[in-house]
Each structure stands twice: as C-alpha cells, then as structure tokens.
Amino acid sequence: KTDRSWRVPKTMIKLSVVSPSTYESPRAMTLSRIFQRVLNDDLNSFVYDASLAGCNYRISCAPTGYKLSVSGYSEKIPFLLDTLTSRMLEIVKELREGKDRHPALFDQFERAKEGLLRETKNYR
C-alpha cells in the first residue's frame, strides 16, 4: 500500500505470540504486564530513531499471549521487526541471568512493578 500524501510504500505487520501461561494465574498475569512495561521502556532507546523516521511499533499483553504490531515504510519494517524480537529474547535472557549481572534492567523491573501497583490502587 502506498502512503496517500507522499506516495511511499507503507506496510503494517501484526503478530501474535501465543502462550497459554500468560494469563494462567493472577501472578502470571501480573508478571506478564510488568514484562510488557519493561520491554516498552527498554525498546524506547532502541527504536527512537525509527519512530522519527515514520516507523512505529506496539507491544501489548493479551489473555492469549503478546501482540506485536509494526508499521512504517516497507523497506525498514524487517529491520525494525528483527530489532524488536531480538531485544525481547535478550531481555528474557538477561532477566534469567539475575540482578547481579544486569542491575539496570532490574531497576526498570522495579519501576514497572511500582507503576502497575500504583495504577491498580487507583483503579475504581
């Protein structure tokens, strides 16, 4: 599809990462939502330049797993998608390695946990 104003090819890709364990318990659901926040926070530094160039992404947590959508100029989408998925895997690996090896990531985790807790307390 071509962009209407600039006549440049644009693409949108939507992926679902299906996982039955995402919402299997309240604990799993909470950890999944915290992971989503950590991931979005971490990815901001990786894809900031891409967003300035007109490429966007969205990652959300759903009862069936994670939903990932990427949109922008056709020639850059594969690179952005590769960056997003590889960083997702790296974050999982770094979280498994522990707090001693990646203290900044665990600080992000704590901030995401506090934000979700504050949001939950304010919900009425």
C-alpha atoms as a PDB file:
ATOM      1  CA  LYS A   1       0.000   0.000   0.000  1.00  0.00           C
ATOM      2  CA  THR A   2       1.247   3.490  -0.792  1.00  0.00           C
ATOM      3  CA  ASP A   3       1.103   6.440   1.563  1.00  0.00           C
ATOM      4  CA  ARG A   4      -1.516   8.895   0.227  1.00  0.00           C
ATOM      5  CA  SER A   5       0.386  12.126   0.743  1.00  0.00           C
ATOM      6  CA  TRP A   6       3.974  11.108  -0.075  1.00  0.00           C
ATOM      7  CA  ARG A   7       3.420   8.108  -2.398  1.00  0.00           C
ATOM      8  CA  VAL A   8       5.852   5.963  -0.418  1.00  0.00           C
ATOM      9  CA  PRO A   9       5.182   2.235   0.170  1.00  0.00           C
ATOM     10  CA  LYS A  10       3.927   1.581   3.697  1.00  0.00           C
ATOM     11  CA  THR A  11       3.415  -1.716   5.491  1.00  0.00           C
ATOM     12  CA  MET A  12       1.751  -2.957   8.661  1.00  0.00           C
ATOM     13  CA  ILE A  13       2.539  -6.306  10.259  1.00  0.00           C
ATOM     14  CA  LYS A  14       0.631  -7.749  13.198  1.00  0.00           C
ATOM     15  CA  LEU A  15       1.938 -10.789  15.061  1.00  0.00           C
ATOM     16  CA  SER A  16       0.600 -12.800  17.951  1.00  0.00           C
ATOM     17  CA  VAL A  17       2.949 -14.685  20.241  1.00  0.00           C
ATOM     18  CA  VAL A  18       0.620 -17.294  21.695  1.00  0.00           C
ATOM     19  CA  SER A  19       1.306 -18.540  25.196  1.00  0.00           C
ATOM     20  CA  PRO A  20      -1.185 -20.318  27.446  1.00  0.00           C
ATOM     21  CA  SER A  21       0.789 -19.289  30.535  1.00  0.00           C
ATOM     22  CA  THR A  22       0.338 -15.531  30.064  1.00  0.00           C
ATOM     23  CA  TYR A  23      -2.936 -15.369  31.981  1.00  0.00           C
ATOM     24  CA  GLU A  24      -2.972 -18.769  33.689  1.00  0.00           C
ATOM     25  CA  SER A  25      -2.930 -17.207  37.169  1.00  0.00           C
ATOM     26  CA  PRO A  26      -3.076 -13.744  38.734  1.00  0.00           C
ATOM     27  CA  ARG A  27       0.674 -13.938  39.369  1.00  0.00           C
ATOM     28  CA  ALA A  28       1.426 -14.877  35.747  1.00  0.00           C
ATOM     29  CA  MET A  29      -0.840 -12.094  34.504  1.00  0.00           C
ATOM     30  CA  THR A  30       0.878  -9.522  36.709  1.00  0.00           C
ATOM     31  CA  LEU A  31       4.363 -10.658  35.680  1.00  0.00           C
ATOM     32  CA  SER A  32       3.330 -10.547  32.011  1.00  0.00           C
ATOM     33  CA  ARG A  33       2.089  -6.991  32.363  1.00  0.00           C
ATOM     34  CA  ILE A  34       5.292  -5.969  34.175  1.00  0.00           C
ATOM     35  CA  PHE A  35       7.360  -7.610  31.422  1.00  0.00           C
ATOM     36  CA  GLN A  36       5.392  -5.644  28.816  1.00  0.00           C
ATOM     37  CA  ARG A  37       6.193  -2.383  30.618  1.00  0.00           C
ATOM     38  CA  VAL A  38       9.886  -3.250  30.965  1.00  0.00           C
ATOM     39  CA  LEU A  39      10.000  -4.209  27.312  1.00  0.00           C
ATOM     40  CA  ASN A  40       8.360  -0.974  26.128  1.00  0.00           C
ATOM     41  CA  ASP A  41      10.614   1.105  28.357  1.00  0.00           C
ATOM     42  CA  ASP A  42      13.720  -0.688  27.147  1.00  0.00           C
ATOM     43  CA  LEU A  43      12.746  -0.574  23.478  1.00  0.00           C
ATOM     44  CA  ASN A  44      12.269   3.194  23.510  1.00  0.00           C
ATOM     45  CA  SER A  45      16.022   3.688  23.401  1.00  0.00           C
ATOM     46  CA  PHE A  46      16.441   1.124  20.612  1.00  0.00           C
ATOM     47  CA  VAL A  47      13.726   2.329  18.245  1.00  0.00           C
ATOM     48  CA  TYR A  48      13.615   6.071  18.911  1.00  0.00           C
ATOM     49  CA  ASP A  49      15.333   6.891  15.614  1.00  0.00           C
ATOM     50  CA  ALA A  50      12.972   4.555  13.763  1.00  0.00           C
ATOM     51  CA  SER A  51       9.967   6.366  15.222  1.00  0.00           C
ATOM     52  CA  LEU A  52      11.363   9.693  13.985  1.00  0.00           C
ATOM     53  CA  ALA A  53      11.655   8.138  10.521  1.00  0.00           C
ATOM     54  CA  GLY A  54       7.985   7.113  10.496  1.00  0.00           C
ATOM     55  CA  CYS A  55       8.212   3.510  11.718  1.00  0.00           C
ATOM     56  CA  ASN A  56       6.151   2.573  14.762  1.00  0.00           C
ATOM     57  CA  TYR A  57       5.594  -0.461  16.961  1.00  0.00           C
ATOM     58  CA  ARG A  58       3.206  -1.546  19.664  1.00  0.00           C
ATOM     59  CA  ILE A  59       3.515  -4.442  22.085  1.00  0.00           C
ATOM     60  CA  SER A  60       0.585  -5.420  24.253  1.00  0.00           C
ATOM     61  CA  CYS A  61      -0.197  -8.225  26.637  1.00  0.00           C
ATOM     62  CA  ALA A  62      -3.400 -10.177  25.953  1.00  0.00           C
ATOM     63  CA  PRO A  63      -5.006 -13.258  27.524  1.00  0.00           C
ATOM     64  CA  THR A  64      -3.670 -15.378  24.649  1.00  0.00           C
ATOM     65  CA  GLY A  65      -0.098 -14.047  24.791  1.00  0.00           C
ATOM     66  CA  TYR A  66       1.593 -10.960  23.384  1.00  0.00           C
ATOM     67  CA  LYS A  67       0.509  -8.925  20.391  1.00  0.00           C
ATOM     68  CA  LEU A  68       3.136  -7.125  18.343  1.00  0.00           C
ATOM     69  CA  SER A  69       2.340  -4.682  15.563  1.00  0.00           C
ATOM     70  CA  VAL A  70       4.851  -2.860  13.393  1.00  0.00           C
ATOM     71  CA  SER A  71       4.073  -0.212  10.793  1.00  0.00           C
ATOM     72  CA  GLY A  72       6.009   2.134   8.581  1.00  0.00           C
ATOM     73  CA  TYR A  73       7.966   2.218   5.353  1.00  0.00           C
ATOM     74  CA  SER A  74       8.215  -1.158   3.661  1.00  0.00           C
ATOM     75  CA  GLU A  75      11.982  -1.327   3.331  1.00  0.00           C
ATOM     76  CA  LYS A  76      12.610  -0.647   7.051  1.00  0.00           C
ATOM     77  CA  ILE A  77       9.959  -2.900   8.605  1.00  0.00           C
ATOM     78  CA  PRO A  78      12.030  -6.132   8.515  1.00  0.00           C
ATOM     79  CA  PHE A  79      14.908  -4.424  10.329  1.00  0.00           C
ATOM     80  CA  LEU A  80      12.578  -2.950  12.972  1.00  0.00           C
ATOM     81  CA  LEU A  81      10.831  -6.281  13.486  1.00  0.00           C
ATOM     82  CA  ASP A  82      14.176  -8.051  13.843  1.00  0.00           C
ATOM     83  CA  THR A  83      15.337  -5.451  16.378  1.00  0.00           C
ATOM     84  CA  LEU A  84      12.154  -5.829  18.429  1.00  0.00           C
ATOM     85  CA  THR A  85      12.112  -9.622  18.524  1.00  0.00           C
ATOM     86  CA  SER A  86      15.833  -9.994  19.215  1.00  0.00           C
ATOM     87  CA  ARG A  87      15.634  -7.467  22.050  1.00  0.00           C
ATOM     88  CA  MET A  88      12.632  -9.312  23.520  1.00  0.00           C
ATOM     89  CA  LEU A  89      14.701 -12.501  23.653  1.00  0.00           C
ATOM     90  CA  GLU A  90      17.712 -10.667  25.091  1.00  0.00           C
ATOM     91  CA  ILE A  91      15.608  -9.189  27.906  1.00  0.00           C
ATOM     92  CA  VAL A  92      14.262 -12.628  28.840  1.00  0.00           C
ATOM     93  CA  LYS A  93      17.832 -13.975  28.869  1.00  0.00           C
ATOM     94  CA  GLU A  94      19.092 -11.044  30.971  1.00  0.00           C
ATOM     95  CA  LEU A  95      16.250 -11.444  33.476  1.00  0.00           C
ATOM     96  CA  ARG A  96      17.150 -15.117  33.878  1.00  0.00           C
ATOM     97  CA  GLU A  97      20.824 -14.253  34.451  1.00  0.00           C
ATOM     98  CA  GLY A  98      19.890 -12.297  37.551  1.00  0.00           C
ATOM     99  CA  LYS A  99      20.089  -8.961  39.272  1.00  0.00           C
ATOM    100  CA  ASP A 100      23.829  -9.090  39.876  1.00  0.00           C
ATOM    101  CA  ARG A 101      24.658  -9.199  36.150  1.00  0.00           C
ATOM    102  CA  HIS A 102      22.014  -6.678  34.971  1.00  0.00           C
ATOM    103  CA  PRO A 103      21.148  -4.238  37.768  1.00  0.00           C
ATOM    104  CA  ALA A 104      19.759  -1.558  35.394  1.00  0.00           C
ATOM    105  CA  LEU A 105      17.239  -3.999  33.956  1.00  0.00           C
ATOM    106  CA  PHE A 106      16.076  -4.970  37.422  1.00  0.00           C
ATOM    107  CA  ASP A 107      15.715  -1.279  38.297  1.00  0.00           C
ATOM    108  CA  GLN A 108      13.398  -0.995  35.271  1.00  0.00           C
ATOM    109  CA  PHE A 109      11.522  -4.035  36.566  1.00  0.00           C
ATOM    110  CA  GLU A 110      11.048  -2.406  39.976  1.00  0.00           C
ATOM    111  CA  ARG A 111       9.832   0.850  38.400  1.00  0.00           C
ATOM    112  CA  ALA A 112       7.368  -1.077  36.224  1.00  0.00           C
ATOM    113  CA  LYS A 113       6.150  -3.012  39.269  1.00  0.00           C
ATOM    114  CA  GLU A 114       5.626   0.196  41.256  1.00  0.00           C
ATOM    115  CA  GLY A 115       3.795   1.804  38.330  1.00  0.00           C
ATOM    116  CA  LEU A 116       1.471  -1.163  37.923  1.00  0.00           C
ATOM    117  CA  LEU A 117       0.836  -1.262  41.676  1.00  0.00           C
ATOM    118  CA  ARG A 118       0.016   2.464  41.702  1.00  0.00           C
ATOM    119  CA  GLU A 119      -2.279   2.036  38.678  1.00  0.00           C
ATOM    120  CA  THR A 120      -4.069  -0.883  40.319  1.00  0.00           C
ATOM    121  CA  LYS A 121      -4.605   1.022  43.572  1.00  0.00           C
ATOM    122  CA  ASN A 122      -6.058   3.991  41.664  1.00  0.00           C
ATOM    123  CA  TYR A 123      -8.472   1.835  39.667  1.00  0.00           C
ATOM    124  CA  ARG A 124     -12.063   2.167  40.811  1.00  0.00           C
END
